N, C-alpha and C. Protein backbone atom coordinates (compact mmCIF):
# COMPACT_ATOMS: atom_id res chain seq x y z
N MET A 1 -12.18 49.51 -64.08
CA MET A 1 -10.74 49.08 -63.44
C MET A 1 -11.20 48.62 -61.91
N HIS A 2 -12.22 49.65 -61.39
CA HIS A 2 -12.54 49.38 -59.91
C HIS A 2 -12.99 48.22 -59.65
N LYS A 3 -13.55 47.68 -60.59
CA LYS A 3 -14.36 46.45 -60.99
C LYS A 3 -13.51 45.10 -60.63
N LEU A 4 -12.69 45.23 -61.64
CA LEU A 4 -11.49 44.24 -61.38
C LEU A 4 -10.68 43.85 -60.46
N LEU A 5 -10.26 45.33 -59.66
CA LEU A 5 -9.55 45.17 -58.18
C LEU A 5 -10.34 44.65 -57.24
N ARG A 6 -11.69 45.46 -57.20
CA ARG A 6 -12.72 44.24 -56.34
C ARG A 6 -12.97 43.04 -56.29
N ASN A 7 -13.07 42.79 -57.87
CA ASN A 7 -13.13 41.09 -57.86
C ASN A 7 -11.77 40.41 -57.74
N THR A 8 -10.71 40.78 -58.04
CA THR A 8 -9.64 40.24 -57.52
C THR A 8 -9.44 40.10 -56.06
N PHE A 9 -9.70 41.30 -55.38
CA PHE A 9 -9.65 41.23 -54.05
C PHE A 9 -10.53 40.14 -53.47
N ALA A 10 -11.80 40.03 -53.95
CA ALA A 10 -13.05 39.08 -53.75
C ALA A 10 -12.08 37.47 -53.57
N VAL A 11 -11.59 37.30 -54.72
CA VAL A 11 -11.18 35.95 -54.93
C VAL A 11 -9.83 35.81 -53.88
N ILE A 12 -9.12 36.77 -53.73
CA ILE A 12 -8.05 36.67 -52.51
C ILE A 12 -8.73 36.47 -51.20
N ALA A 13 -9.48 37.30 -50.81
CA ALA A 13 -9.98 37.25 -49.68
C ALA A 13 -10.87 35.85 -49.42
N GLY A 14 -11.65 35.49 -50.43
CA GLY A 14 -12.38 34.32 -50.36
C GLY A 14 -11.50 33.07 -50.10
N ILE A 15 -10.34 33.24 -50.63
CA ILE A 15 -9.43 32.05 -50.46
C ILE A 15 -8.61 32.25 -49.22
N LEU A 16 -8.27 33.01 -48.74
CA LEU A 16 -7.97 33.54 -47.37
C LEU A 16 -8.69 33.16 -46.23
N ILE A 17 -9.60 33.54 -46.03
CA ILE A 17 -10.89 33.42 -45.31
C ILE A 17 -11.15 31.79 -45.09
N GLY A 18 -11.73 31.12 -46.65
CA GLY A 18 -11.43 30.04 -46.74
C GLY A 18 -10.85 29.02 -46.06
N GLY A 19 -9.41 29.19 -46.37
CA GLY A 19 -8.29 28.63 -45.71
C GLY A 19 -8.11 28.65 -44.44
N ALA A 20 -8.39 29.73 -43.73
CA ALA A 20 -8.14 30.27 -42.25
C ALA A 20 -9.31 29.56 -41.63
N VAL A 21 -10.43 29.24 -42.24
CA VAL A 21 -11.39 28.53 -41.15
C VAL A 21 -11.18 26.99 -41.49
N ASN A 22 -10.89 26.50 -42.55
CA ASN A 22 -10.31 25.02 -42.90
C ASN A 22 -9.32 25.00 -42.00
N SER A 23 -8.16 25.43 -41.66
CA SER A 23 -7.02 25.36 -40.94
C SER A 23 -7.26 25.45 -39.58
N ALA A 24 -8.27 26.13 -39.06
CA ALA A 24 -8.80 26.26 -37.85
C ALA A 24 -9.45 25.12 -37.31
N LEU A 25 -10.31 24.85 -38.29
CA LEU A 25 -10.98 23.41 -38.05
C LEU A 25 -10.39 22.31 -37.98
N ILE A 26 -9.20 22.35 -38.57
CA ILE A 26 -8.05 21.10 -38.79
C ILE A 26 -7.35 20.98 -37.21
N MET A 27 -7.21 22.29 -37.26
CA MET A 27 -6.08 22.43 -35.94
C MET A 27 -6.83 22.01 -34.71
N LEU A 28 -8.21 22.38 -34.36
CA LEU A 28 -9.08 22.23 -33.54
C LEU A 28 -9.52 20.61 -33.56
N SER A 29 -9.55 19.89 -34.68
CA SER A 29 -9.87 18.64 -34.80
C SER A 29 -9.27 17.56 -33.38
N PRO A 30 -8.13 17.40 -33.37
CA PRO A 30 -7.68 16.49 -32.17
C PRO A 30 -8.12 16.82 -31.09
N SER A 31 -8.32 17.95 -30.47
CA SER A 31 -9.07 18.33 -29.17
C SER A 31 -10.29 17.91 -29.32
N LEU A 32 -10.92 17.73 -30.34
CA LEU A 32 -12.37 17.18 -30.07
C LEU A 32 -12.80 16.16 -30.22
N ILE A 33 -11.93 15.05 -31.30
CA ILE A 33 -11.93 13.91 -31.73
C ILE A 33 -10.40 13.22 -31.78
N PRO A 34 -10.26 12.86 -30.59
CA PRO A 34 -8.58 12.75 -30.15
C PRO A 34 -8.31 11.35 -31.27
N PRO A 35 -6.92 11.69 -31.96
CA PRO A 35 -6.46 10.80 -33.20
C PRO A 35 -6.01 9.42 -32.02
N PRO A 36 -6.12 8.03 -32.81
CA PRO A 36 -5.37 6.77 -31.99
C PRO A 36 -4.36 7.46 -31.57
N ALA A 37 -3.89 6.39 -30.14
CA ALA A 37 -2.70 6.48 -29.24
C ALA A 37 -1.34 6.75 -30.18
N GLY A 38 -0.51 7.24 -30.03
CA GLY A 38 0.63 7.44 -30.89
C GLY A 38 0.78 7.92 -32.11
N VAL A 39 -0.59 8.20 -32.66
CA VAL A 39 -0.28 8.91 -33.91
C VAL A 39 -0.17 10.56 -33.76
N ASP A 40 0.83 10.83 -34.97
CA ASP A 40 1.04 12.03 -35.08
C ASP A 40 0.15 12.71 -36.06
N VAL A 41 -0.85 13.55 -36.04
CA VAL A 41 -1.45 13.91 -37.18
C VAL A 41 -0.87 14.72 -38.13
N ASN A 42 0.17 15.41 -37.72
CA ASN A 42 0.91 16.45 -38.38
C ASN A 42 2.09 15.75 -39.19
N ASN A 43 2.30 15.00 -38.98
CA ASN A 43 3.22 13.68 -39.82
C ASN A 43 2.49 12.84 -40.85
N ALA A 44 2.82 13.01 -42.03
CA ALA A 44 2.19 12.32 -43.16
C ALA A 44 2.84 11.05 -43.16
N GLU A 45 4.10 10.43 -42.69
CA GLU A 45 4.47 9.10 -42.65
C GLU A 45 4.01 8.33 -41.21
N SER A 46 3.31 9.09 -40.19
CA SER A 46 2.83 8.70 -38.86
C SER A 46 1.36 8.21 -39.49
N LEU A 47 0.93 9.18 -40.13
CA LEU A 47 -0.45 8.77 -40.57
C LEU A 47 -0.50 7.60 -41.47
N SER A 48 0.09 7.66 -42.74
CA SER A 48 0.20 6.19 -43.32
C SER A 48 0.49 5.15 -42.55
N ARG A 49 1.46 4.75 -41.64
CA ARG A 49 1.61 3.79 -41.16
C ARG A 49 0.52 3.32 -40.04
N ALA A 50 -0.40 4.32 -39.81
CA ALA A 50 -1.82 4.24 -38.74
C ALA A 50 -3.00 4.27 -39.20
N ILE A 51 -2.99 4.39 -40.13
CA ILE A 51 -4.30 5.15 -41.04
C ILE A 51 -5.45 3.84 -40.80
N HIS A 52 -4.67 2.68 -40.51
CA HIS A 52 -5.90 1.50 -40.10
C HIS A 52 -6.32 1.41 -38.81
N LEU A 53 -5.83 2.43 -37.99
CA LEU A 53 -6.54 2.43 -36.75
C LEU A 53 -7.20 3.65 -36.58
N PHE A 54 -7.63 4.58 -37.56
CA PHE A 54 -8.71 5.48 -37.78
C PHE A 54 -9.92 4.93 -37.71
N GLY A 55 -11.00 5.79 -36.90
CA GLY A 55 -12.51 5.00 -37.29
C GLY A 55 -13.07 6.11 -38.27
N PRO A 56 -14.42 5.97 -38.67
CA PRO A 56 -14.94 7.00 -39.65
C PRO A 56 -15.33 8.14 -38.46
N GLN A 57 -15.26 8.16 -37.35
CA GLN A 57 -15.47 9.42 -36.44
C GLN A 57 -14.12 10.70 -36.76
N HIS A 58 -13.00 9.78 -36.87
CA HIS A 58 -11.62 10.58 -37.61
C HIS A 58 -11.97 11.49 -38.87
N PHE A 59 -12.63 11.03 -39.37
CA PHE A 59 -13.01 11.92 -40.44
C PHE A 59 -14.07 12.97 -40.55
N ILE A 60 -14.75 13.24 -39.55
CA ILE A 60 -15.47 13.82 -39.70
C ILE A 60 -15.06 15.41 -39.60
N MET A 61 -14.35 15.81 -38.78
CA MET A 61 -13.71 17.33 -38.79
C MET A 61 -13.07 17.75 -39.88
N PRO A 62 -12.11 16.43 -40.60
CA PRO A 62 -11.43 16.92 -41.88
C PRO A 62 -12.57 17.26 -42.86
N PHE A 63 -13.85 16.38 -43.24
CA PHE A 63 -14.58 16.77 -43.87
C PHE A 63 -15.18 18.46 -43.64
N LEU A 64 -15.48 18.39 -42.33
CA LEU A 64 -16.28 19.78 -41.69
C LEU A 64 -15.36 20.94 -42.16
N ALA A 65 -14.09 20.82 -42.04
CA ALA A 65 -13.19 21.90 -42.32
C ALA A 65 -13.58 22.11 -43.84
N HIS A 66 -13.09 21.28 -44.67
CA HIS A 66 -13.33 21.56 -46.09
C HIS A 66 -14.41 21.96 -46.40
N ALA A 67 -15.56 21.49 -45.81
CA ALA A 67 -16.90 21.84 -46.43
C ALA A 67 -17.27 23.48 -46.03
N VAL A 68 -16.70 23.54 -44.49
CA VAL A 68 -17.06 24.85 -44.45
C VAL A 68 -15.81 26.14 -44.45
N GLY A 69 -14.65 25.64 -44.72
CA GLY A 69 -13.88 26.36 -45.37
C GLY A 69 -14.48 26.71 -47.01
N THR A 70 -14.79 25.71 -47.71
CA THR A 70 -15.03 26.35 -48.90
C THR A 70 -16.41 27.33 -48.95
N PHE A 71 -17.25 26.67 -48.08
CA PHE A 71 -18.72 27.63 -47.88
C PHE A 71 -18.28 29.16 -47.49
N ALA A 72 -17.37 29.18 -46.21
CA ALA A 72 -16.98 30.44 -46.03
C ALA A 72 -16.17 31.38 -47.20
N GLY A 73 -15.37 30.70 -47.50
CA GLY A 73 -14.61 31.22 -48.80
C GLY A 73 -15.68 31.74 -49.91
N ALA A 74 -16.35 31.32 -50.23
CA ALA A 74 -17.24 31.54 -51.50
C ALA A 74 -18.20 32.49 -50.98
N LEU A 75 -18.90 32.41 -49.82
CA LEU A 75 -19.65 33.25 -49.33
C LEU A 75 -19.12 35.03 -49.30
N VAL A 76 -18.09 34.79 -48.49
CA VAL A 76 -17.27 36.10 -48.16
C VAL A 76 -16.77 36.51 -49.85
N ALA A 77 -16.55 35.73 -50.79
CA ALA A 77 -16.21 35.96 -52.12
C ALA A 77 -17.46 36.76 -52.83
N CYS A 78 -18.41 36.15 -52.47
CA CYS A 78 -19.48 36.43 -53.26
C CYS A 78 -19.92 38.10 -52.69
N LEU A 79 -19.94 38.31 -51.19
CA LEU A 79 -20.35 39.26 -50.45
C LEU A 79 -19.16 40.49 -51.21
N VAL A 80 -18.17 40.31 -51.45
CA VAL A 80 -17.02 41.39 -51.70
C VAL A 80 -16.90 41.77 -53.06
N ALA A 81 -17.20 40.79 -54.04
CA ALA A 81 -17.14 40.73 -55.60
C ALA A 81 -18.15 42.19 -55.87
N ALA A 82 -17.34 43.00 -56.74
CA ALA A 82 -18.35 43.92 -57.39
C ALA A 82 -19.01 43.80 -58.74
N SER A 83 -19.16 42.43 -59.33
CA SER A 83 -19.52 41.90 -60.18
C SER A 83 -19.31 40.48 -60.57
N HIS A 84 -19.63 39.65 -61.17
CA HIS A 84 -19.43 38.17 -61.50
C HIS A 84 -19.64 37.38 -60.24
N LYS A 85 -20.67 37.99 -59.41
CA LYS A 85 -20.66 37.06 -58.00
C LYS A 85 -20.79 35.67 -57.85
N VAL A 86 -21.45 34.96 -59.23
CA VAL A 86 -21.74 33.72 -58.92
C VAL A 86 -20.59 33.02 -59.37
N PRO A 87 -19.88 33.07 -60.57
CA PRO A 87 -18.75 32.27 -61.02
C PRO A 87 -17.16 32.88 -59.91
N ILE A 88 -17.50 33.66 -59.53
CA ILE A 88 -16.50 33.96 -58.50
C ILE A 88 -16.56 33.08 -57.08
N GLY A 89 -17.86 32.94 -56.97
CA GLY A 89 -18.06 32.09 -55.53
C GLY A 89 -17.81 30.72 -56.00
N LEU A 90 -17.98 30.28 -56.67
CA LEU A 90 -17.77 28.81 -57.61
C LEU A 90 -16.37 28.71 -57.85
N ALA A 91 -15.88 29.85 -58.40
CA ALA A 91 -14.13 29.63 -58.66
C ALA A 91 -13.55 29.36 -57.20
N ILE A 92 -13.95 29.64 -55.97
CA ILE A 92 -13.36 29.58 -55.12
C ILE A 92 -13.59 28.32 -54.38
N GLY A 93 -14.57 27.60 -55.10
CA GLY A 93 -15.12 25.96 -54.78
C GLY A 93 -14.22 25.18 -55.64
N ALA A 94 -13.85 25.79 -56.60
CA ALA A 94 -13.17 24.72 -57.76
C ALA A 94 -11.72 24.86 -57.30
N VAL A 95 -11.21 26.40 -56.77
CA VAL A 95 -9.48 25.94 -56.22
C VAL A 95 -9.49 25.20 -54.75
N PHE A 96 -10.64 25.27 -53.85
CA PHE A 96 -10.53 24.22 -52.74
C PHE A 96 -10.66 23.03 -53.30
N LEU A 97 -11.56 22.63 -54.52
CA LEU A 97 -11.27 21.27 -54.80
C LEU A 97 -10.01 20.97 -55.60
N CYS A 98 -9.57 21.62 -56.06
CA CYS A 98 -8.02 21.40 -56.27
C CYS A 98 -7.28 21.07 -55.22
N GLY A 99 -7.49 21.71 -54.33
CA GLY A 99 -6.52 21.68 -52.85
C GLY A 99 -6.88 20.01 -52.66
N GLY A 100 -7.87 19.90 -52.51
CA GLY A 100 -8.89 18.56 -51.94
C GLY A 100 -8.17 17.37 -52.86
N VAL A 101 -8.41 17.72 -54.06
CA VAL A 101 -7.56 16.68 -55.12
C VAL A 101 -6.18 16.51 -54.64
N ALA A 102 -5.25 17.36 -54.73
CA ALA A 102 -4.04 17.13 -54.30
C ALA A 102 -4.02 16.48 -52.68
N ALA A 103 -4.46 17.30 -51.96
CA ALA A 103 -4.52 16.49 -50.36
C ALA A 103 -4.34 15.16 -50.54
N SER A 104 -5.42 14.44 -51.39
CA SER A 104 -6.15 13.14 -51.50
C SER A 104 -4.95 12.18 -52.04
N PHE A 105 -4.02 12.80 -52.86
CA PHE A 105 -2.65 12.20 -53.23
C PHE A 105 -1.68 12.12 -51.93
N MET A 106 -1.76 13.16 -51.31
CA MET A 106 -0.60 13.35 -50.45
C MET A 106 -0.96 12.87 -49.01
N ILE A 107 -2.08 12.83 -48.66
CA ILE A 107 -2.36 12.23 -46.89
C ILE A 107 -3.36 11.06 -47.37
N PRO A 108 -2.79 9.90 -46.58
CA PRO A 108 -3.62 8.61 -46.71
C PRO A 108 -5.36 8.78 -46.16
N ALA A 109 -6.07 8.25 -46.81
CA ALA A 109 -7.48 8.22 -46.42
C ALA A 109 -8.14 7.24 -47.03
N PRO A 110 -9.16 6.36 -46.14
CA PRO A 110 -9.83 5.44 -47.43
C PRO A 110 -10.52 6.16 -48.66
N ALA A 111 -10.74 5.26 -49.66
CA ALA A 111 -11.22 5.92 -50.66
C ALA A 111 -12.33 6.55 -50.80
N ARG A 112 -13.26 5.75 -49.70
CA ARG A 112 -14.93 6.48 -49.47
C ARG A 112 -15.04 7.60 -48.80
N PHE A 113 -13.97 7.95 -48.10
CA PHE A 113 -13.79 9.71 -47.49
C PHE A 113 -13.38 10.56 -48.51
N ILE A 114 -12.41 9.66 -49.47
CA ILE A 114 -11.75 10.81 -50.39
C ILE A 114 -12.87 10.85 -51.56
N ALA A 115 -13.81 9.96 -51.84
CA ALA A 115 -14.71 10.01 -52.69
C ALA A 115 -16.00 11.32 -52.30
N LEU A 116 -16.29 11.05 -50.78
CA LEU A 116 -17.51 11.65 -50.35
C LEU A 116 -16.63 13.14 -50.31
N ASP A 117 -15.43 13.29 -49.91
CA ASP A 117 -15.02 14.90 -49.68
C ASP A 117 -14.99 15.53 -51.18
N LEU A 118 -14.47 14.88 -51.99
CA LEU A 118 -14.32 15.22 -53.45
C LEU A 118 -15.63 15.72 -53.88
N LEU A 119 -16.62 14.90 -53.68
CA LEU A 119 -17.96 15.13 -54.42
C LEU A 119 -18.90 16.09 -53.57
N LEU A 120 -18.64 16.22 -52.34
CA LEU A 120 -19.77 17.04 -51.63
C LEU A 120 -19.22 18.29 -50.56
N ALA A 121 -17.86 18.42 -50.46
CA ALA A 121 -17.19 18.91 -49.57
C ALA A 121 -16.73 20.62 -50.39
N TYR A 122 -16.90 20.48 -51.60
CA TYR A 122 -15.83 21.66 -52.21
C TYR A 122 -17.30 22.38 -53.14
N LEU A 123 -17.56 22.02 -54.56
CA LEU A 123 -18.63 22.77 -55.31
C LEU A 123 -19.75 22.79 -54.67
N PRO A 124 -20.26 21.67 -54.04
CA PRO A 124 -21.87 21.87 -53.31
C PRO A 124 -21.76 23.21 -52.38
N MET A 125 -20.70 23.07 -51.54
CA MET A 125 -20.59 23.94 -50.51
C MET A 125 -20.40 25.49 -50.89
N ALA A 126 -19.82 25.28 -52.36
CA ALA A 126 -19.52 26.87 -52.76
C ALA A 126 -20.58 27.43 -53.52
N TRP A 127 -21.63 26.52 -54.13
CA TRP A 127 -22.87 27.02 -54.27
C TRP A 127 -23.68 27.33 -53.33
N LEU A 128 -23.66 26.82 -52.13
CA LEU A 128 -24.42 27.07 -50.81
C LEU A 128 -24.06 28.30 -50.61
N GLY A 129 -22.68 28.56 -50.63
CA GLY A 129 -22.25 29.78 -50.00
C GLY A 129 -22.80 31.04 -51.13
N VAL A 130 -22.85 30.80 -52.36
CA VAL A 130 -23.24 31.90 -53.32
C VAL A 130 -24.72 31.64 -52.91
N ARG A 131 -25.69 30.80 -52.64
CA ARG A 131 -26.99 30.93 -52.52
C ARG A 131 -27.44 31.85 -50.99
N MET A 132 -26.52 31.64 -50.19
CA MET A 132 -26.56 32.16 -48.71
C MET A 132 -26.75 33.55 -49.12
N ALA A 133 -25.15 34.05 -49.86
CA ALA A 133 -25.10 35.19 -50.21
C ALA A 133 -26.41 35.97 -50.92
N GLY A 134 -27.20 35.40 -51.59
CA GLY A 134 -28.37 36.06 -52.11
C GLY A 134 -27.95 36.02 -53.55
N TYR A 135 -27.42 35.13 -54.02
CA TYR A 135 -27.18 35.08 -55.61
C TYR A 135 -27.93 33.75 -56.37
N SER A 136 -28.13 33.73 -57.39
CA SER A 136 -28.54 32.73 -58.11
C SER A 136 -27.94 32.65 -59.50
N GLN A 137 -28.18 31.66 -60.15
CA GLN A 137 -27.28 31.42 -61.36
C GLN A 137 -27.71 32.64 -62.56
N ALA A 138 -28.64 33.09 -62.13
CA ALA A 138 -29.46 34.39 -63.35
C ALA A 138 -28.51 35.68 -62.66
N THR A 139 -27.95 35.56 -61.89
CA THR A 139 -27.45 37.10 -61.35
C THR A 139 -25.99 37.28 -61.97
N PRO A 140 -25.69 38.15 -62.56
CA PRO A 140 -24.08 38.20 -63.10
C PRO A 140 -23.23 38.86 -62.00
């Protein structure tokens, strides 16, 4: 029972920490790479109307937020989990991937960004988090 509670806590902690890192980087983004003039990045309608004004540089921070958030969540989950560390770490990646898929339908972005984001920012970063925590696929 103790392992189940600790593993449940690991998943919750991974999602919360990963989400907090993701959110912090997204909030920091406009100060590092300002959006085009007159665009409210907190308003989906404003984004939809002005997405053609965004250059490749405007997609760096969202990608990093997704990648680093997923990495941090998987790393924390693996370090906290009592058992099944690899599946738990990869599950964090799957949770964030589902969020990325949902966001790709809600937030306008070029198809190439969406493809790169979905392919590289979630499961590969979760795998890296698992590896950085010191676990391989052979470890239970």
